[in-house]
């Protein structure tokens, strides 16, 4: 899966990655008992909820294909779901392009 960063630059990428917050907006600690999971928005529409386990190191990743399958240009962002039903603000938005390129022909020969 290719991620286009600039009009002439394509980088192979297959994961969304992010770091969890450690504080609530009021400055109190955000920790495992409060954590419900993550929710993704793709192209302006809710796309996927990820009820993942709390990771003490705070670094998460998920295959892009688990969230987006359509080829083309897309934007995505993620937010934290709190067990009390509230949601964080969304993260920064990332833009990417999924390109579907066929594999090379196989068994090419001269007979």
PDB file of N, CA and C in Angstrom:
ATOM      1  N   UNK A   1       0.852  -1.154   0.000  1.00  0.00           N
ATOM      2  CA  UNK A   1       0.000   0.000   0.000  1.00  0.00           C
ATOM      3  C   UNK A   1       0.904   1.224   0.000  1.00  0.00           C
ATOM      4  N   UNK A   2       0.633   2.173  -0.866  1.00  0.00           N
ATOM      5  CA  UNK A   2       1.487   3.351  -0.967  1.00  0.00           C
ATOM      6  C   UNK A   2       0.828   4.529  -0.282  1.00  0.00           C
ATOM      7  N   UNK A   3       1.636   5.330   0.363  1.00  0.00           N
ATOM      8  CA  UNK A   3       1.149   6.562   0.967  1.00  0.00           C
ATOM      9  C   UNK A   3       1.837   7.703   0.255  1.00  0.00           C
ATOM     10  N   UNK A   4       1.059   8.566  -0.380  1.00  0.00           N
ATOM     11  CA  UNK A   4       1.617   9.690  -1.120  1.00  0.00           C
ATOM     12  C   UNK A   4       1.722  10.872  -0.169  1.00  0.00           C
ATOM     13  N   UNK A   5       2.947  11.330   0.024  1.00  0.00           N
ATOM     14  CA  UNK A   5       3.159  12.462   0.922  1.00  0.00           C
ATOM     15  C   UNK A   5       3.140  13.787   0.168  1.00  0.00           C
ATOM     16  N   UNK A   6       3.728  13.820  -0.982  1.00  0.00           N
ATOM     17  CA  UNK A   6       3.740  14.991  -1.850  1.00  0.00           C
ATOM     18  C   UNK A   6       3.385  14.518  -3.243  1.00  0.00           C
ATOM     19  N   UNK A   7       3.088  15.419  -4.146  1.00  0.00           N
ATOM     20  CA  UNK A   7       2.597  15.016  -5.454  1.00  0.00           C
ATOM     21  C   UNK A   7       3.556  14.095  -6.202  1.00  0.00           C
ATOM     22  N   UNK A   8       4.843  14.153  -5.925  1.00  0.00           N
ATOM     23  CA  UNK A   8       5.795  13.304  -6.641  1.00  0.00           C
ATOM     24  C   UNK A   8       6.506  12.301  -5.744  1.00  0.00           C
ATOM     25  N   UNK A   9       6.028  12.109  -4.517  1.00  0.00           N
ATOM     26  CA  UNK A   9       6.705  11.217  -3.586  1.00  0.00           C
ATOM     27  C   UNK A   9       5.727  10.179  -3.062  1.00  0.00           C
ATOM     28  N   UNK A  10       6.030   8.919  -3.291  1.00  0.00           N
ATOM     29  CA  UNK A  10       5.194   7.832  -2.797  1.00  0.00           C
ATOM     30  C   UNK A  10       6.030   6.998  -1.840  1.00  0.00           C
ATOM     31  N   UNK A  11       5.529   6.783  -0.653  1.00  0.00           N
ATOM     32  CA  UNK A  11       6.220   6.006   0.362  1.00  0.00           C
ATOM     33  C   UNK A  11       5.359   4.787   0.665  1.00  0.00           C
ATOM     34  N   UNK A  12       5.988   3.616   0.701  1.00  0.00           N
ATOM     35  CA  UNK A  12       5.227   2.416   1.047  1.00  0.00           C
ATOM     36  C   UNK A  12       4.905   2.464   2.541  1.00  0.00           C
ATOM     37  N   UNK A  13       3.640   2.408   2.846  1.00  0.00           N
ATOM     38  CA  UNK A  13       3.205   2.452   4.236  1.00  0.00           C
ATOM     39  C   UNK A  13       2.018   1.526   4.387  1.00  0.00           C
ATOM     40  N   UNK A  14       1.933   0.853   5.503  1.00  0.00           N
ATOM     41  CA  UNK A  14       0.791  -0.030   5.693  1.00  0.00           C
ATOM     42  C   UNK A  14       0.221   0.035   7.108  1.00  0.00           C
ATOM     43  N   UNK A  15       0.665   0.997   7.915  1.00  0.00           N
ATOM     44  CA  UNK A  15       0.213   1.092   9.297  1.00  0.00           C
ATOM     45  C   UNK A  15      -0.160   2.523   9.657  1.00  0.00           C
ATOM     46  N   UNK A  16      -1.238   2.674  10.429  1.00  0.00           N
ATOM     47  CA  UNK A  16      -1.469   3.908  11.161  1.00  0.00           C
ATOM     48  C   UNK A  16      -0.752   3.723  12.490  1.00  0.00           C
ATOM     49  N   UNK A  17      -0.050   4.717  12.960  1.00  0.00           N
ATOM     50  CA  UNK A  17       0.614   4.659  14.258  1.00  0.00           C
ATOM     51  C   UNK A  17       0.281   5.927  15.048  1.00  0.00           C
ATOM     52  N   UNK A  18       0.205   5.796  16.380  1.00  0.00           N
ATOM     53  CA  UNK A  18      -0.064   6.944  17.231  1.00  0.00           C
ATOM     54  C   UNK A  18       0.350   6.626  18.664  1.00  0.00           C
ATOM     55  N   UNK A  19       0.373   7.658  19.491  1.00  0.00           N
ATOM     56  CA  UNK A  19       0.726   7.528  20.902  1.00  0.00           C
ATOM     57  C   UNK A  19      -0.471   7.967  21.733  1.00  0.00           C
ATOM     58  N   UNK A  20      -0.798   7.176  22.740  1.00  0.00           N
ATOM     59  CA  UNK A  20      -1.958   7.476  23.584  1.00  0.00           C
ATOM     60  C   UNK A  20      -1.691   8.682  24.471  1.00  0.00           C
ATOM     61  N   UNK A  21      -2.762   9.397  24.847  1.00  0.00           N
ATOM     62  CA  UNK A  21      -2.600  10.487  25.805  1.00  0.00           C
ATOM     63  C   UNK A  21      -2.441   9.921  27.213  1.00  0.00           C
ATOM     64  N   UNK A  22      -1.800  10.677  28.075  1.00  0.00           N
ATOM     65  CA  UNK A  22      -1.612  10.261  29.461  1.00  0.00           C
ATOM     66  C   UNK A  22      -2.347  11.135  30.455  1.00  0.00           C
ATOM     67  N   UNK A  23      -2.995  12.200  29.947  1.00  0.00           N
ATOM     68  CA  UNK A  23      -3.765  13.093  30.812  1.00  0.00           C
ATOM     69  C   UNK A  23      -5.122  13.390  30.178  1.00  0.00           C
ATOM     70  N   UNK A  24      -6.093  13.696  31.024  1.00  0.00           N
ATOM     71  CA  UNK A  24      -7.395  14.182  30.590  1.00  0.00           C
ATOM     72  C   UNK A  24      -7.282  15.681  30.339  1.00  0.00           C
ATOM     73  N   UNK A  25      -8.289  16.267  29.715  1.00  0.00           N
ATOM     74  CA  UNK A  25      -8.231  17.704  29.414  1.00  0.00           C
ATOM     75  C   UNK A  25      -8.202  18.570  30.664  1.00  0.00           C
ATOM     76  N   UNK A  26      -8.629  18.020  31.820  1.00  0.00           N
ATOM     77  CA  UNK A  26      -8.574  18.790  33.070  1.00  0.00           C
ATOM     78  C   UNK A  26      -7.235  18.649  33.787  1.00  0.00           C
ATOM     79  N   UNK A  27      -6.297  17.907  33.166  1.00  0.00           N
ATOM     80  CA  UNK A  27      -4.978  17.730  33.754  1.00  0.00           C
ATOM     81  C   UNK A  27      -4.832  16.496  34.623  1.00  0.00           C
ATOM     82  N   UNK A  28      -5.935  15.811  34.917  1.00  0.00           N
ATOM     83  CA  UNK A  28      -5.850  14.588  35.714  1.00  0.00           C
ATOM     84  C   UNK A  28      -5.291  13.444  34.866  1.00  0.00           C
ATOM     85  N   UNK A  29      -4.814  12.419  35.526  1.00  0.00           N
ATOM     86  CA  UNK A  29      -4.195  11.285  34.844  1.00  0.00           C
ATOM     87  C   UNK A  29      -5.237  10.501  34.042  1.00  0.00           C
ATOM     88  N   UNK A  30      -4.912  10.181  32.812  1.00  0.00           N
ATOM     89  CA  UNK A  30      -5.719   9.273  31.990  1.00  0.00           C
ATOM     90  C   UNK A  30      -5.016   7.928  32.016  1.00  0.00           C
ATOM     91  N   UNK A  31      -5.705   6.898  32.531  1.00  0.00           N
ATOM     92  CA  UNK A  31      -5.053   5.603  32.708  1.00  0.00           C
ATOM     93  C   UNK A  31      -5.957   4.454  32.275  1.00  0.00           C
ATOM     94  N   UNK A  32      -5.460   3.258  32.455  1.00  0.00           N
ATOM     95  CA  UNK A  32      -6.131   2.057  31.963  1.00  0.00           C
ATOM     96  C   UNK A  32      -7.586   1.902  32.407  1.00  0.00           C
ATOM     97  N   UNK A  33      -7.931   2.166  33.680  1.00  0.00           N
ATOM     98  CA  UNK A  33      -9.336   1.985  34.075  1.00  0.00           C
ATOM     99  C   UNK A  33     -10.318   2.883  33.304  1.00  0.00           C
ATOM    100  N   UNK A  34      -9.836   3.976  32.732  1.00  0.00           N
ATOM    101  CA  UNK A  34     -10.686   4.896  31.981  1.00  0.00           C
ATOM    102  C   UNK A  34     -10.742   4.573  30.489  1.00  0.00           C
ATOM    103  N   UNK A  35      -9.803   3.792  30.028  1.00  0.00           N
ATOM    104  CA  UNK A  35      -9.580   3.559  28.595  1.00  0.00           C
ATOM    105  C   UNK A  35     -10.554   2.550  28.002  1.00  0.00           C
ATOM    106  N   UNK A  36     -11.235   2.939  26.924  1.00  0.00           N
ATOM    107  CA  UNK A  36     -12.175   2.060  26.220  1.00  0.00           C
ATOM    108  C   UNK A  36     -11.599   1.562  24.892  1.00  0.00           C
ATOM    109  N   UNK A  37     -10.911   2.427  24.158  1.00  0.00           N
ATOM    110  CA  UNK A  37     -10.366   2.055  22.849  1.00  0.00           C
ATOM    111  C   UNK A  37     -10.185   3.290  21.981  1.00  0.00           C
ATOM    112  N   UNK A  38     -10.124   3.083  20.676  1.00  0.00           N
ATOM    113  CA  UNK A  38      -9.928   4.169  19.718  1.00  0.00           C
ATOM    114  C   UNK A  38     -10.992   4.106  18.643  1.00  0.00           C
ATOM    115  N   UNK A  39     -11.331   5.279  18.089  1.00  0.00           N
ATOM    116  CA  UNK A  39     -12.277   5.367  16.987  1.00  0.00           C
ATOM    117  C   UNK A  39     -11.645   6.168  15.866  1.00  0.00           C
ATOM    118  N   UNK A  40     -11.775   5.652  14.656  1.00  0.00           N
ATOM    119  CA  UNK A  40     -11.217   6.300  13.476  1.00  0.00           C
ATOM    120  C   UNK A  40     -12.303   6.991  12.669  1.00  0.00           C
ATOM    121  N   UNK A  41     -11.930   8.106  12.067  1.00  0.00           N
ATOM    122  CA  UNK A  41     -12.778   8.786  11.103  1.00  0.00           C
ATOM    123  C   UNK A  41     -11.989   8.805   9.800  1.00  0.00           C
ATOM    124  N   UNK A  42     -12.609   8.374   8.726  1.00  0.00           N
ATOM    125  CA  UNK A  42     -11.961   8.355   7.411  1.00  0.00           C
ATOM    126  C   UNK A  42     -12.833   9.125   6.431  1.00  0.00           C
ATOM    127  N   UNK A  43     -12.225  10.063   5.746  1.00  0.00           N
ATOM    128  CA  UNK A  43     -12.926  10.878   4.748  1.00  0.00           C
ATOM    129  C   UNK A  43     -14.175  11.539   5.332  1.00  0.00           C
ATOM    130  N   UNK A  44     -14.093  11.950   6.603  1.00  0.00           N
ATOM    131  CA  UNK A  44     -15.162  12.686   7.248  1.00  0.00           C
ATOM    132  C   UNK A  44     -16.283  11.843   7.831  1.00  0.00           C
ATOM    133  N   UNK A  45     -16.156  10.519   7.761  1.00  0.00           N
ATOM    134  CA  UNK A  45     -17.207   9.644   8.284  1.00  0.00           C
ATOM    135  C   UNK A  45     -16.626   8.669   9.306  1.00  0.00           C
ATOM    136  N   UNK A  46     -17.393   8.348  10.363  1.00  0.00           N
ATOM    137  CA  UNK A  46     -16.919   7.327  11.304  1.00  0.00           C
ATOM    138  C   UNK A  46     -16.627   6.035  10.542  1.00  0.00           C
ATOM    139  N   UNK A  47     -15.486   5.420  10.850  1.00  0.00           N
ATOM    140  CA  UNK A  47     -15.090   4.267  10.051  1.00  0.00           C
ATOM    141  C   UNK A  47     -14.902   3.001  10.855  1.00  0.00           C
ATOM    142  N   UNK A  48     -14.367   3.104  12.062  1.00  0.00           N
ATOM    143  CA  UNK A  48     -13.932   1.887  12.725  1.00  0.00           C
ATOM    144  C   UNK A  48     -13.668   2.170  14.188  1.00  0.00           C
ATOM    145  N   UNK A  49     -14.110   1.285  15.060  1.00  0.00           N
ATOM    146  CA  UNK A  49     -13.765   1.346  16.483  1.00  0.00           C
ATOM    147  C   UNK A  49     -12.762   0.243  16.778  1.00  0.00           C
ATOM    148  N   UNK A  50     -11.763   0.565  17.578  1.00  0.00           N
ATOM    149  CA  UNK A  50     -10.721  -0.391  17.904  1.00  0.00           C
ATOM    150  C   UNK A  50     -10.697  -0.589  19.416  1.00  0.00           C
ATOM    151  N   UNK A  51     -11.310  -1.661  19.921  1.00  0.00           N
ATOM    152  CA  UNK A  51     -11.292  -1.911  21.360  1.00  0.00           C
ATOM    153  C   UNK A  51     -10.018  -2.651  21.771  1.00  0.00           C
ATOM    154  N   UNK A  52      -8.896  -2.002  21.607  1.00  0.00           N
ATOM    155  CA  UNK A  52      -7.606  -2.624  21.911  1.00  0.00           C
ATOM    156  C   UNK A  52      -7.306  -2.563  23.401  1.00  0.00           C
ATOM    157  N   UNK A  53      -6.407  -3.405  23.833  1.00  0.00           N
ATOM    158  CA  UNK A  53      -5.965  -3.395  25.230  1.00  0.00           C
ATOM    159  C   UNK A  53      -5.065  -2.185  25.477  1.00  0.00           C
ATOM    160  N   UNK A  54      -5.051  -1.745  26.709  1.00  0.00           N
ATOM    161  CA  UNK A  54      -4.155  -0.658  27.134  1.00  0.00           C
ATOM    162  C   UNK A  54      -2.719  -1.108  26.939  1.00  0.00           C
ATOM    163  N   UNK A  55      -1.911  -0.263  26.342  1.00  0.00           N
ATOM    164  CA  UNK A  55      -0.491  -0.554  26.147  1.00  0.00           C
ATOM    165  C   UNK A  55       0.298   0.406  27.028  1.00  0.00           C
ATOM    166  N   UNK A  56       1.007  -0.131  28.005  1.00  0.00           N
ATOM    167  CA  UNK A  56       1.715   0.712  28.968  1.00  0.00           C
ATOM    168  C   UNK A  56       2.710   1.650  28.296  1.00  0.00           C
ATOM    169  N   UNK A  57       3.375   1.185  27.236  1.00  0.00           N
ATOM    170  CA  UNK A  57       4.342   2.031  26.533  1.00  0.00           C
ATOM    171  C   UNK A  57       3.652   3.157  25.765  1.00  0.00           C
ATOM    172  N   UNK A  58       2.362   2.964  25.448  1.00  0.00           N
ATOM    173  CA  UNK A  58       1.584   4.033  24.830  1.00  0.00           C
ATOM    174  C   UNK A  58       1.652   4.138  23.327  1.00  0.00           C
ATOM    175  N   UNK A  59       2.344   3.217  22.666  1.00  0.00           N
ATOM    176  CA  UNK A  59       2.478   3.288  21.210  1.00  0.00           C
ATOM    177  C   UNK A  59       1.599   2.235  20.553  1.00  0.00           C
ATOM    178  N   UNK A  60       0.755   2.676  19.628  1.00  0.00           N
ATOM    179  CA  UNK A  60      -0.186   1.794  18.957  1.00  0.00           C
ATOM    180  C   UNK A  60       0.040   1.825  17.452  1.00  0.00           C
ATOM    181  N   UNK A  61      -0.379   0.751  16.803  1.00  0.00           N
ATOM    182  CA  UNK A  61      -0.411   0.721  15.344  1.00  0.00           C
ATOM    183  C   UNK A  61      -1.499  -0.240  14.914  1.00  0.00           C
ATOM    184  N   UNK A  62      -2.043   0.007  13.749  1.00  0.00           N
ATOM    185  CA  UNK A  62      -3.070  -0.849  13.167  1.00  0.00           C
ATOM    186  C   UNK A  62      -2.875  -0.821  11.658  1.00  0.00           C
ATOM    187  N   UNK A  63      -3.061  -1.948  10.999  1.00  0.00           N
ATOM    188  CA  UNK A  63      -2.922  -1.943   9.538  1.00  0.00           C
ATOM    189  C   UNK A  63      -3.928  -0.982   8.892  1.00  0.00           C
ATOM    190  N   UNK A  64      -3.472  -0.182   7.960  1.00  0.00           N
ATOM    191  CA  UNK A  64      -4.366   0.733   7.251  1.00  0.00           C
ATOM    192  C   UNK A  64      -5.508  -0.053   6.609  1.00  0.00           C
ATOM    193  N   UNK A  65      -5.211  -1.238   6.095  1.00  0.00           N
ATOM    194  CA  UNK A  65      -6.231  -2.056   5.429  1.00  0.00           C
ATOM    195  C   UNK A  65      -7.368  -2.455   6.365  1.00  0.00           C
ATOM    196  N   UNK A  66      -7.151  -2.430   7.679  1.00  0.00           N
ATOM    197  CA  UNK A  66      -8.216  -2.749   8.633  1.00  0.00           C
ATOM    198  C   UNK A  66      -9.221  -1.607   8.745  1.00  0.00           C
ATOM    199  N   UNK A  67      -8.819  -0.423   8.296  1.00  0.00           N
ATOM    200  CA  UNK A  67      -9.660   0.762   8.427  1.00  0.00           C
ATOM    201  C   UNK A  67     -10.161   1.258   7.072  1.00  0.00           C
ATOM    202  N   UNK A  68      -9.313   1.182   6.044  1.00  0.00           N
ATOM    203  CA  UNK A  68      -9.629   1.706   4.711  1.00  0.00           C
ATOM    204  C   UNK A  68      -9.292   0.646   3.671  1.00  0.00           C
ATOM    205  N   UNK A  69     -10.231   0.366   2.774  1.00  0.00           N
ATOM    206  CA  UNK A  69      -9.944  -0.619   1.731  1.00  0.00           C
ATOM    207  C   UNK A  69     -10.007  -0.031   0.320  1.00  0.00           C
ATOM    208  N   UNK A  70     -10.687   1.076   0.150  1.00  0.00           N
ATOM    209  CA  UNK A  70     -10.862   1.645  -1.188  1.00  0.00           C
ATOM    210  C   UNK A  70      -9.601   2.346  -1.680  1.00  0.00           C
ATOM    211  N   UNK A  71      -9.265   2.105  -2.930  1.00  0.00           N
ATOM    212  CA  UNK A  71      -8.137   2.809  -3.545  1.00  0.00           C
ATOM    213  C   UNK A  71      -8.500   4.281  -3.699  1.00  0.00           C
ATOM    214  N   UNK A  72      -7.486   5.131  -3.727  1.00  0.00           N
ATOM    215  CA  UNK A  72      -7.694   6.561  -3.921  1.00  0.00           C
ATOM    216  C   UNK A  72      -7.109   7.377  -2.791  1.00  0.00           C
ATOM    217  N   UNK A  73      -7.392   8.671  -2.826  1.00  0.00           N
ATOM    218  CA  UNK A  73      -6.891   9.595  -1.813  1.00  0.00           C
ATOM    219  C   UNK A  73      -7.855   9.642  -0.636  1.00  0.00           C
ATOM    220  N   UNK A  74      -7.294   9.665   0.563  1.00  0.00           N
ATOM    221  CA  UNK A  74      -8.099   9.640   1.781  1.00  0.00           C
ATOM    222  C   UNK A  74      -7.484  10.547   2.840  1.00  0.00           C
ATOM    223  N   UNK A  75      -8.285  10.874   3.847  1.00  0.00           N
ATOM    224  CA  UNK A  75      -7.801  11.522   5.065  1.00  0.00           C
ATOM    225  C   UNK A  75      -8.348  10.728   6.245  1.00  0.00           C
ATOM    226  N   UNK A  76      -7.597  10.673   7.320  1.00  0.00           N
ATOM    227  CA  UNK A  76      -8.030   9.932   8.507  1.00  0.00           C
ATOM    228  C   UNK A  76      -7.550  10.637   9.757  1.00  0.00           C
ATOM    229  N   UNK A  77      -8.255  10.361  10.847  1.00  0.00           N
ATOM    230  CA  UNK A  77      -7.847  10.840  12.160  1.00  0.00           C
ATOM    231  C   UNK A  77      -8.412   9.877  13.191  1.00  0.00           C
ATOM    232  N   UNK A  78      -7.920   9.962  14.419  1.00  0.00           N
ATOM    233  CA  UNK A  78      -8.297   9.008  15.464  1.00  0.00           C
ATOM    234  C   UNK A  78      -8.604   9.772  16.749  1.00  0.00           C
ATOM    235  N   UNK A  79      -9.473   9.176  17.576  1.00  0.00           N
ATOM    236  CA  UNK A  79      -9.774   9.749  18.878  1.00  0.00           C
ATOM    237  C   UNK A  79      -9.840   8.634  19.913  1.00  0.00           C
ATOM    238  N   UNK A  80      -9.672   9.018  21.177  1.00  0.00           N
ATOM    239  CA  UNK A  80      -9.721   8.068  22.281  1.00  0.00           C
ATOM    240  C   UNK A  80     -11.153   7.964  22.795  1.00  0.00           C
ATOM    241  N   UNK A  81     -11.584   6.735  23.061  1.00  0.00           N
ATOM    242  CA  UNK A  81     -12.886   6.495  23.680  1.00  0.00           C
ATOM    243  C   UNK A  81     -12.671   6.235  25.175  1.00  0.00           C
ATOM    244  N   UNK A  82     -13.384   6.981  26.009  1.00  0.00           N
ATOM    245  CA  UNK A  82     -13.333   6.844  27.468  1.00  0.00           C
ATOM    246  C   UNK A  82     -14.454   5.904  27.894  1.00  0.00           C
ATOM    247  N   UNK A  83     -14.241   5.122  28.935  1.00  0.00           N
ATOM    248  CA  UNK A  83     -15.266   4.178  29.403  1.00  0.00           C
ATOM    249  C   UNK A  83     -16.549   4.860  29.861  1.00  0.00           C
ATOM    250  N   UNK A  84     -16.473   6.157  30.200  1.00  0.00           N
ATOM    251  CA  UNK A  84     -17.688   6.860  30.626  1.00  0.00           C
ATOM    252  C   UNK A  84     -18.541   7.321  29.445  1.00  0.00           C
ATOM    253  N   UNK A  85     -18.094   6.988  28.230  1.00  0.00           N
ATOM    254  CA  UNK A  85     -18.847   7.345  27.031  1.00  0.00           C
ATOM    255  C   UNK A  85     -18.379   8.593  26.332  1.00  0.00           C
ATOM    256  N   UNK A  86     -17.483   9.358  26.956  1.00  0.00           N
ATOM    257  CA  UNK A  86     -16.977  10.558  26.305  1.00  0.00           C
ATOM    258  C   UNK A  86     -15.871  10.185  25.316  1.00  0.00           C
ATOM    259  N   UNK A  87     -15.550  11.110  24.441  1.00  0.00           N
ATOM    260  CA  UNK A  87     -14.497  10.925  23.436  1.00  0.00           C
ATOM    261  C   UNK A  87     -13.564  12.121  23.489  1.00  0.00           C
ATOM    262  N   UNK A  88     -12.296  11.877  23.188  1.00  0.00           N
ATOM    263  CA  UNK A  88     -11.339  12.978  23.099  1.00  0.00           C
ATOM    264  C   UNK A  88     -11.609  13.771  21.824  1.00  0.00           C
ATOM    265  N   UNK A  89     -10.927  14.881  21.710  1.00  0.00           N
ATOM    266  CA  UNK A  89     -10.901  15.567  20.419  1.00  0.00           C
ATOM    267  C   UNK A  89     -10.170  14.641  19.444  1.00  0.00           C
ATOM    268  N   UNK A  90     -10.345  14.875  18.163  1.00  0.00           N
ATOM    269  CA  UNK A  90      -9.622  14.076  17.179  1.00  0.00           C
ATOM    270  C   UNK A  90      -8.149  14.472  17.132  1.00  0.00           C
ATOM    271  N   UNK A  91      -7.332  13.530  16.716  1.00  0.00           N
ATOM    272  CA  UNK A  91      -5.912  13.775  16.473  1.00  0.00           C
ATOM    273  C   UNK A  91      -5.762  14.690  15.264  1.00  0.00           C
ATOM    274  N   UNK A  92      -4.519  14.957  14.915  1.00  0.00           N
ATOM    275  CA  UNK A  92      -4.254  15.622  13.650  1.00  0.00           C
ATOM    276  C   UNK A  92      -4.759  14.720  12.518  1.00  0.00           C
ATOM    277  N   UNK A  93      -5.020  15.315  11.381  1.00  0.00           N
ATOM    278  CA  UNK A  93      -5.496  14.575  10.212  1.00  0.00           C
ATOM    279  C   UNK A  93      -4.307  14.204   9.339  1.00  0.00           C
ATOM    280  N   UNK A  94      -4.296  12.956   8.868  1.00  0.00           N
ATOM    281  CA  UNK A  94      -3.264  12.530   7.928  1.00  0.00           C
ATOM    282  C   UNK A  94      -3.909  12.260   6.575  1.00  0.00           C
ATOM    283  N   UNK A  95      -3.216  12.638   5.525  1.00  0.00           N
ATOM    284  CA  UNK A  95      -3.671  12.395   4.160  1.00  0.00           C
ATOM    285  C   UNK A  95      -2.806  11.295   3.561  1.00  0.00           C
ATOM    286  N   UNK A  96      -3.438  10.399   2.813  1.00  0.00           N
ATOM    287  CA  UNK A  96      -2.693   9.304   2.202  1.00  0.00           C
ATOM    288  C   UNK A  96      -3.439   8.822   0.971  1.00  0.00           C
ATOM    289  N   UNK A  97      -2.728   8.118   0.120  1.00  0.00           N
ATOM    290  CA  UNK A  97      -3.305   7.555  -1.097  1.00  0.00           C
ATOM    291  C   UNK A  97      -3.039   6.067  -1.121  1.00  0.00           C
ATOM    292  N   UNK A  98      -4.084   5.298  -1.345  1.00  0.00           N
ATOM    293  CA  UNK A  98      -3.933   3.861  -1.511  1.00  0.00           C
ATOM    294  C   UNK A  98      -3.887   3.582  -3.001  1.00  0.00           C
ATOM    295  N   UNK A  99      -2.792   2.999  -3.437  1.00  0.00           N
ATOM    296  CA  UNK A  99      -2.635   2.639  -4.841  1.00  0.00           C
ATOM    297  C   UNK A  99      -2.664   1.129  -4.964  1.00  0.00           C
ATOM    298  N   UNK A 100      -3.459   0.638  -5.849  1.00  0.00           N
ATOM    299  CA  UNK A 100      -3.525  -0.799  -6.129  1.00  0.00           C
ATOM    300  C   UNK A 100      -2.799  -1.039  -7.443  1.00  0.00           C
ATOM    301  N   UNK A 101      -1.624  -1.614  -7.353  1.00  0.00           N
ATOM    302  CA  UNK A 101      -0.810  -1.908  -8.530  1.00  0.00           C
ATOM    303  C   UNK A 101      -0.730  -3.411  -8.696  1.00  0.00           C
ATOM    304  N   UNK A 102      -1.065  -3.922  -9.879  1.00  0.00           N
ATOM    305  CA  UNK A 102      -0.990  -5.377 -10.056  1.00  0.00           C
ATOM    306  C   UNK A 102       0.447  -5.878  -9.987  1.00  0.00           C
ATOM    307  N   UNK A 103       0.571  -7.131  -9.577  1.00  0.00           N
ATOM    308  CA  UNK A 103       1.876  -7.805  -9.598  1.00  0.00           C
ATOM    309  C   UNK A 103       2.323  -7.950 -11.044  1.00  0.00           C
ATOM    310  N   UNK A 104       3.609  -8.174 -11.247  1.00  0.00           N
ATOM    311  CA  UNK A 104       4.147  -8.397 -12.589  1.00  0.00           C
ATOM    312  C   UNK A 104       3.628  -9.725 -13.133  1.00  0.00           C
ATOM    313  N   UNK A 105       3.508  -9.837 -14.444  1.00  0.00           N
ATOM    314  CA  UNK A 105       3.118 -11.119 -15.034  1.00  0.00           C
ATOM    315  C   UNK A 105       4.122 -12.213 -14.633  1.00  0.00           C
ATOM    316  N   UNK A 106       3.631 -13.441 -14.569  1.00  0.00           N
ATOM    317  CA  UNK A 106       4.490 -14.572 -14.210  1.00  0.00           C
ATOM    318  C   UNK A 106       4.523 -15.585 -15.353  1.00  0.00           C
ATOM    319  N   UNK A 107       5.510 -16.440 -15.294  1.00  0.00           N
ATOM    320  CA  UNK A 107       5.665 -17.510 -16.287  1.00  0.00           C
ATOM    321  C   UNK A 107       5.795 -16.990 -17.714  1.00  0.00           C
ATOM    322  N   UNK A 108       6.372 -15.829 -17.890  1.00  0.00           N
ATOM    323  CA  UNK A 108       6.635 -15.288 -19.224  1.00  0.00           C
ATOM    324  C   UNK A 108       7.762 -16.070 -19.852  1.00  0.00           C
ATOM    325  N   UNK A 109       7.579 -16.519 -21.076  1.00  0.00           N
ATOM    326  CA  UNK A 109       8.622 -17.334 -21.712  1.00  0.00           C
ATOM    327  C   UNK A 109       8.494 -17.267 -23.218  1.00  0.00           C
ATOM    328  N   UNK A 110       9.463 -17.857 -23.872  1.00  0.00           N
ATOM    329  CA  UNK A 110       9.440 -18.028 -25.324  1.00  0.00           C
ATOM    330  C   UNK A 110       9.223 -19.518 -25.568  1.00  0.00           C
ATOM    331  N   UNK A 111       8.280 -19.840 -26.429  1.00  0.00           N
ATOM    332  CA  UNK A 111       8.008 -21.254 -26.702  1.00  0.00           C
ATOM    333  C   UNK A 111       8.370 -21.597 -28.133  1.00  0.00           C
TER     334      UNK A 111
END
